[in-house]
Amino acid sequence: MKIAKLFIAGLALAGLTAAASAGTLDDITKRGELRVAVQTQGPPFSLVGAAGERTGSSVELAELMAKEMGVKITFLDFDWDGLIPALLSGKADLLVADMTPTLARGMKVAFTKPYMYTGSTVFTKADGKFKTTEDCKAKGTKIAVLLGATGEKEAKTAFPDADIKSYKGGGPLLLDAVNNGQADCGVNDVSAVKGQSTAYPAGSFTIMPDLLSKEPLAFATRYDEPDLLVWMNLFLDQVSVDGRLQKNLDYWVNSDAWKKDH
């Protein structure tokens, strides 16, 4: 039996009803569609494959959610800083991206329990003069970060004398900035940097082994969707126990296996 059916049956037995507002689990199942906000281009979590299909670690997990609910899935693409507004506006039912549940974000959206841990790293152009994280601490160093991402705050803390340049959009913009000399160093999620750097010739960038932080990643929904949030946590528990989550992370995050297929 599908997880969604079990959950709804549990609510009925407890004498509870789903909230009437759009986007709740009850409304999603009646609509027959799960609307999911994803980052436009953020491999290995979200990317467009060679055949034009939407894929990636977060994308596949969202597809598993829809399958368990017994509904179709619709992905809605947004730049990084457009993800939370899309969720709050009701355009999407939930958000799946490599997003850290910070206290500031928690004032706006409700996060699930963490499903993996990662961290921000520093990267530079391989043939440039900046070879280490310490090199990037020099006064006036131009450091590229994503506007509103946790890496932006971490870069300001780790490199107080640097010139922090915040970019609106996705992670590939940071790689472009470092590659073309607009920035000396970049700071972003290490999994994202490794995934997005595959668009360049091998060896184009030096990715520092030391992390600026250790961060949990989670999915998000609105606070007026408590039933959906409970179900999403139940889903994460289930795929953790049956091995589907680990299989996903081993393919997309813990190895380069996905690069051969995409």
Protein backbone atom coordinates (compact mmCIF):
# COMPACT_ATOMS: atom_id res chain seq x y z
CA MET A 1 0.00 0.00 0.00
CA LYS A 2 1.25 3.48 -0.84
CA ILE A 3 2.61 5.69 1.94
CA ALA A 4 0.06 8.40 1.10
CA LYS A 5 -2.89 6.01 1.50
CA LEU A 6 -1.56 4.76 4.83
CA PHE A 7 -1.09 8.30 6.08
CA ILE A 8 -4.57 9.47 5.04
CA ALA A 9 -6.10 6.36 6.60
CA GLY A 10 -4.26 7.18 9.82
CA LEU A 11 -5.70 10.69 9.83
CA ALA A 12 -9.21 9.32 9.35
CA LEU A 13 -8.84 6.84 12.20
CA ALA A 14 -7.65 9.63 14.46
CA GLY A 15 -10.69 11.70 13.56
CA LEU A 16 -8.59 14.34 11.85
CA THR A 17 -9.14 16.06 8.53
CA ALA A 18 -6.67 17.63 6.17
CA ALA A 19 -6.52 21.40 6.06
CA ALA A 20 -8.72 23.00 3.46
CA SER A 21 -6.07 25.33 2.03
CA ALA A 22 -4.62 24.57 -1.40
CA GLY A 23 -1.44 22.55 -1.41
CA THR A 24 -2.23 20.23 1.52
CA LEU A 25 -1.75 16.48 1.10
CA ASP A 26 -5.50 15.98 0.71
CA ASP A 27 -5.71 18.63 -2.02
CA ILE A 28 -2.67 17.21 -3.82
CA THR A 29 -4.15 13.72 -3.98
CA LYS A 30 -7.52 15.07 -5.17
CA ARG A 31 -5.79 17.22 -7.78
CA GLY A 32 -3.68 14.27 -8.89
CA GLU A 33 -0.58 16.44 -9.21
CA LEU A 34 2.41 17.31 -7.03
CA ARG A 35 3.98 20.68 -7.94
CA VAL A 36 7.65 20.82 -7.03
CA ALA A 37 9.97 23.84 -7.13
CA VAL A 38 13.54 23.00 -8.19
CA GLN A 39 16.65 24.99 -9.01
CA THR A 40 16.92 25.63 -12.74
CA GLN A 41 20.38 24.11 -13.08
CA GLY A 42 22.07 22.77 -9.96
CA PRO A 43 23.72 19.40 -10.54
CA PRO A 44 23.95 16.87 -9.03
CA PHE A 45 20.68 17.79 -7.28
CA SER A 46 18.81 19.13 -10.31
CA LEU A 47 19.85 19.16 -13.96
CA VAL A 48 18.57 18.72 -17.49
CA GLY A 49 19.86 15.55 -19.14
CA ALA A 50 21.06 15.10 -22.72
CA ALA A 51 17.57 14.12 -23.85
CA GLY A 52 16.04 17.20 -22.22
CA GLU A 53 14.67 15.32 -19.22
CA ARG A 54 14.72 16.77 -15.70
CA THR A 55 16.86 14.62 -13.40
CA GLY A 56 19.20 14.74 -10.40
CA SER A 57 19.31 13.58 -6.79
CA SER A 58 16.56 15.87 -5.46
CA VAL A 59 14.49 15.38 -8.61
CA GLU A 60 14.50 11.59 -8.26
CA LEU A 61 13.52 11.81 -4.60
CA ALA A 62 10.62 14.10 -5.53
CA GLU A 63 9.56 11.60 -8.20
CA LEU A 64 9.55 8.88 -5.55
CA MET A 65 7.28 11.07 -3.39
CA ALA A 66 4.82 11.50 -6.24
CA LYS A 67 4.89 7.76 -6.95
CA GLU A 68 4.10 6.96 -3.32
CA MET A 69 1.26 9.51 -3.37
CA GLY A 70 -0.08 8.02 -6.58
CA VAL A 71 -0.05 11.35 -8.43
CA LYS A 72 1.81 12.85 -11.37
CA ILE A 73 4.61 15.33 -10.80
CA THR A 74 5.23 18.76 -12.30
CA PHE A 75 8.61 20.45 -11.87
CA LEU A 76 8.80 24.24 -11.76
CA ASP A 77 12.22 25.78 -12.46
CA PHE A 78 13.46 28.79 -10.50
CA ASP A 79 16.74 30.56 -9.83
CA TRP A 80 18.05 30.07 -6.30
CA ASP A 81 16.56 33.27 -4.87
CA GLY A 82 13.18 32.48 -6.45
CA LEU A 83 12.64 29.11 -4.77
CA ILE A 84 11.19 30.22 -1.43
CA PRO A 85 9.01 32.98 -2.97
CA ALA A 86 7.57 30.39 -5.38
CA LEU A 87 6.68 28.16 -2.45
CA LEU A 88 5.15 30.96 -0.39
CA SER A 89 3.09 32.22 -3.33
CA GLY A 90 1.43 28.83 -3.75
CA LYS A 91 2.94 28.13 -7.17
CA ALA A 92 4.58 25.01 -5.72
CA ASP A 93 3.52 22.52 -3.04
CA LEU A 94 7.03 21.81 -1.88
CA LEU A 95 10.64 22.72 -2.56
CA VAL A 96 13.44 20.24 -3.25
CA ALA A 97 16.90 21.76 -3.63
CA ASP A 98 20.25 21.58 -1.88
CA MET A 99 18.97 23.99 0.76
CA THR A 100 20.20 24.29 4.34
CA PRO A 101 17.46 24.83 6.96
CA THR A 102 18.75 28.02 8.58
CA LEU A 103 16.93 29.94 11.32
CA ALA A 104 16.29 32.82 8.93
CA ARG A 105 14.72 30.56 6.30
CA GLY A 106 12.80 28.79 9.03
CA MET A 107 10.99 32.07 9.71
CA LYS A 108 9.41 31.70 6.25
CA VAL A 109 9.10 28.00 5.42
CA ALA A 110 8.81 24.68 7.25
CA PHE A 111 11.70 22.26 6.73
CA THR A 112 11.71 18.48 6.89
CA LYS A 113 14.27 16.58 8.91
CA PRO A 114 17.72 16.55 7.21
CA TYR A 115 18.22 13.86 4.58
CA MET A 116 21.98 14.41 4.10
CA TYR A 117 24.88 16.57 5.26
CA THR A 118 27.26 18.60 3.15
CA GLY A 119 29.23 21.86 3.43
CA SER A 120 30.49 24.92 1.60
CA THR A 121 33.87 24.83 -0.07
CA VAL A 122 36.21 27.25 -1.81
CA PHE A 123 37.20 26.77 -5.44
CA THR A 124 39.62 28.60 -7.72
CA LYS A 125 40.80 28.48 -11.31
CA ALA A 126 43.36 25.69 -11.53
CA ASP A 127 45.92 27.75 -13.45
CA GLY A 128 45.39 30.91 -11.36
CA LYS A 129 47.50 32.34 -8.55
CA PHE A 130 45.03 31.38 -5.79
CA LYS A 131 45.93 27.84 -4.74
CA THR A 132 44.61 27.50 -1.19
CA THR A 133 41.82 28.77 1.04
CA GLU A 134 44.40 30.93 2.82
CA ASP A 135 45.28 32.62 -0.49
CA CYS A 136 41.67 33.74 -0.81
CA LYS A 137 41.86 35.60 2.52
CA ALA A 138 44.08 38.32 1.05
CA LYS A 139 42.63 41.83 1.16
CA GLY A 140 40.67 42.72 -1.95
CA THR A 141 40.29 39.14 -3.18
CA LYS A 142 37.16 38.90 -5.33
CA ILE A 143 34.98 36.04 -4.10
CA ALA A 144 31.87 34.92 -5.98
CA VAL A 145 28.87 33.67 -3.97
CA LEU A 146 25.17 33.06 -4.61
CA LEU A 147 22.81 35.76 -3.40
CA GLY A 148 20.90 34.47 -0.39
CA ALA A 149 22.79 31.18 -0.12
CA THR A 150 24.47 30.04 3.08
CA GLY A 151 27.80 30.34 1.26
CA GLU A 152 27.29 34.10 1.05
CA LYS A 153 27.19 34.46 4.83
CA GLU A 154 30.04 31.99 5.33
CA ALA A 155 32.26 33.81 2.84
CA LYS A 156 31.71 37.13 4.61
CA THR A 157 32.74 35.51 7.89
CA ALA A 158 35.72 33.53 6.58
CA PHE A 159 37.06 36.29 4.31
CA PRO A 160 36.40 39.62 6.10
CA ASP A 161 38.94 41.52 3.98
CA ALA A 162 37.74 40.15 0.65
CA ASP A 163 35.46 41.76 -1.92
CA ILE A 164 32.35 39.55 -1.81
CA LYS A 165 30.46 39.51 -5.10
CA SER A 166 26.91 38.13 -4.83
CA TYR A 167 25.37 36.66 -7.98
CA LYS A 168 21.65 36.26 -8.61
CA GLY A 169 20.91 32.92 -10.25
CA GLY A 170 22.43 29.44 -10.01
CA GLY A 171 25.76 27.92 -9.07
CA PRO A 172 27.12 27.76 -12.65
CA LEU A 173 27.34 31.57 -12.57
CA LEU A 174 30.02 31.30 -9.88
CA LEU A 175 32.09 28.90 -11.96
CA ASP A 176 31.74 31.22 -14.94
CA ALA A 177 32.87 34.19 -12.85
CA VAL A 178 35.99 32.40 -11.61
CA ASN A 179 36.74 30.92 -15.01
CA ASN A 180 36.57 34.24 -16.88
CA GLY A 181 38.44 36.23 -14.22
CA GLN A 182 35.53 38.23 -12.80
CA ALA A 183 36.26 36.55 -9.46
CA ASP A 184 39.39 35.05 -7.93
CA CYS A 185 37.64 32.44 -5.80
CA GLY A 186 34.15 31.03 -5.39
CA VAL A 187 32.22 29.64 -2.42
CA ASN A 188 29.35 27.18 -2.79
CA ASP A 189 28.08 23.78 -1.66
CA VAL A 190 30.82 21.23 -2.34
CA SER A 191 28.47 18.73 -4.02
CA ALA A 192 27.12 21.45 -6.29
CA VAL A 193 30.61 22.67 -7.21
CA LYS A 194 31.76 19.15 -8.09
CA GLY A 195 28.64 18.50 -10.14
CA GLN A 196 28.55 21.81 -11.98
CA SER A 197 32.28 21.83 -12.78
CA THR A 198 31.75 18.87 -15.12
CA ALA A 199 30.50 21.36 -17.72
CA TYR A 200 34.14 22.48 -18.08
CA PRO A 201 37.20 20.54 -19.25
CA ALA A 202 38.61 18.26 -16.55
CA GLY A 203 41.07 20.03 -14.28
CA SER A 204 39.70 23.54 -14.90
CA PHE A 205 39.18 24.25 -11.19
CA THR A 206 40.87 23.51 -7.89
CA ILE A 207 38.29 22.50 -5.29
CA MET A 208 39.65 22.89 -1.78
CA PRO A 209 39.46 19.76 0.43
CA ASP A 210 38.70 21.75 3.58
CA LEU A 211 35.09 22.82 4.15
CA LEU A 212 34.00 26.15 5.58
CA SER A 213 31.05 24.48 7.27
CA LYS A 214 29.07 21.30 7.82
CA GLU A 215 25.45 21.79 6.82
CA PRO A 216 22.30 19.65 6.77
CA LEU A 217 20.13 19.64 3.66
CA ALA A 218 16.34 19.37 3.82
CA PHE A 219 13.18 19.82 1.76
CA ALA A 220 10.65 22.53 2.54
CA THR A 221 6.95 23.31 2.44
CA ARG A 222 4.69 26.01 3.88
CA TYR A 223 3.67 26.26 7.52
CA ASP A 224 0.01 26.02 6.48
CA GLU A 225 0.67 22.47 5.20
CA PRO A 226 1.33 20.54 8.45
CA ASP A 227 -0.10 17.30 7.08
CA LEU A 228 2.21 17.43 4.06
CA LEU A 229 5.23 18.13 6.26
CA VAL A 230 4.44 15.12 8.47
CA TRP A 231 4.05 12.94 5.37
CA MET A 232 7.35 14.16 3.89
CA ASN A 233 9.16 13.21 7.10
CA LEU A 234 7.44 9.82 7.03
CA PHE A 235 8.63 9.42 3.43
CA LEU A 236 12.23 10.25 4.40
CA ASP A 237 12.05 7.71 7.23
CA GLN A 238 10.78 5.05 4.83
CA VAL A 239 13.37 5.58 2.07
CA SER A 240 16.12 5.69 4.71
CA VAL A 241 15.05 2.31 6.09
CA ASP A 242 14.51 0.56 2.74
CA GLY A 243 17.77 1.81 1.22
CA ARG A 244 16.36 3.95 -1.57
CA LEU A 245 17.79 7.17 -0.09
CA GLN A 246 21.29 5.72 0.27
CA LYS A 247 21.14 4.33 -3.27
CA ASN A 248 20.21 7.79 -4.55
CA LEU A 249 23.01 9.54 -2.65
CA ASP A 250 25.61 6.94 -3.62
CA TYR A 251 24.85 7.48 -7.30
CA TRP A 252 24.38 11.24 -7.38
CA VAL A 253 26.40 12.67 -4.48
CA ASN A 254 28.96 10.20 -3.14
CA SER A 255 30.48 9.25 -6.51
CA ASP A 256 30.87 10.45 -10.09
CA ALA A 257 28.77 7.60 -11.50
CA TRP A 258 26.02 9.92 -12.75
CA LYS A 259 28.45 11.87 -14.95
CA LYS A 260 28.87 8.87 -17.25
CA ASP A 261 25.13 8.75 -17.91
CA HIS A 262 24.39 12.47 -18.12
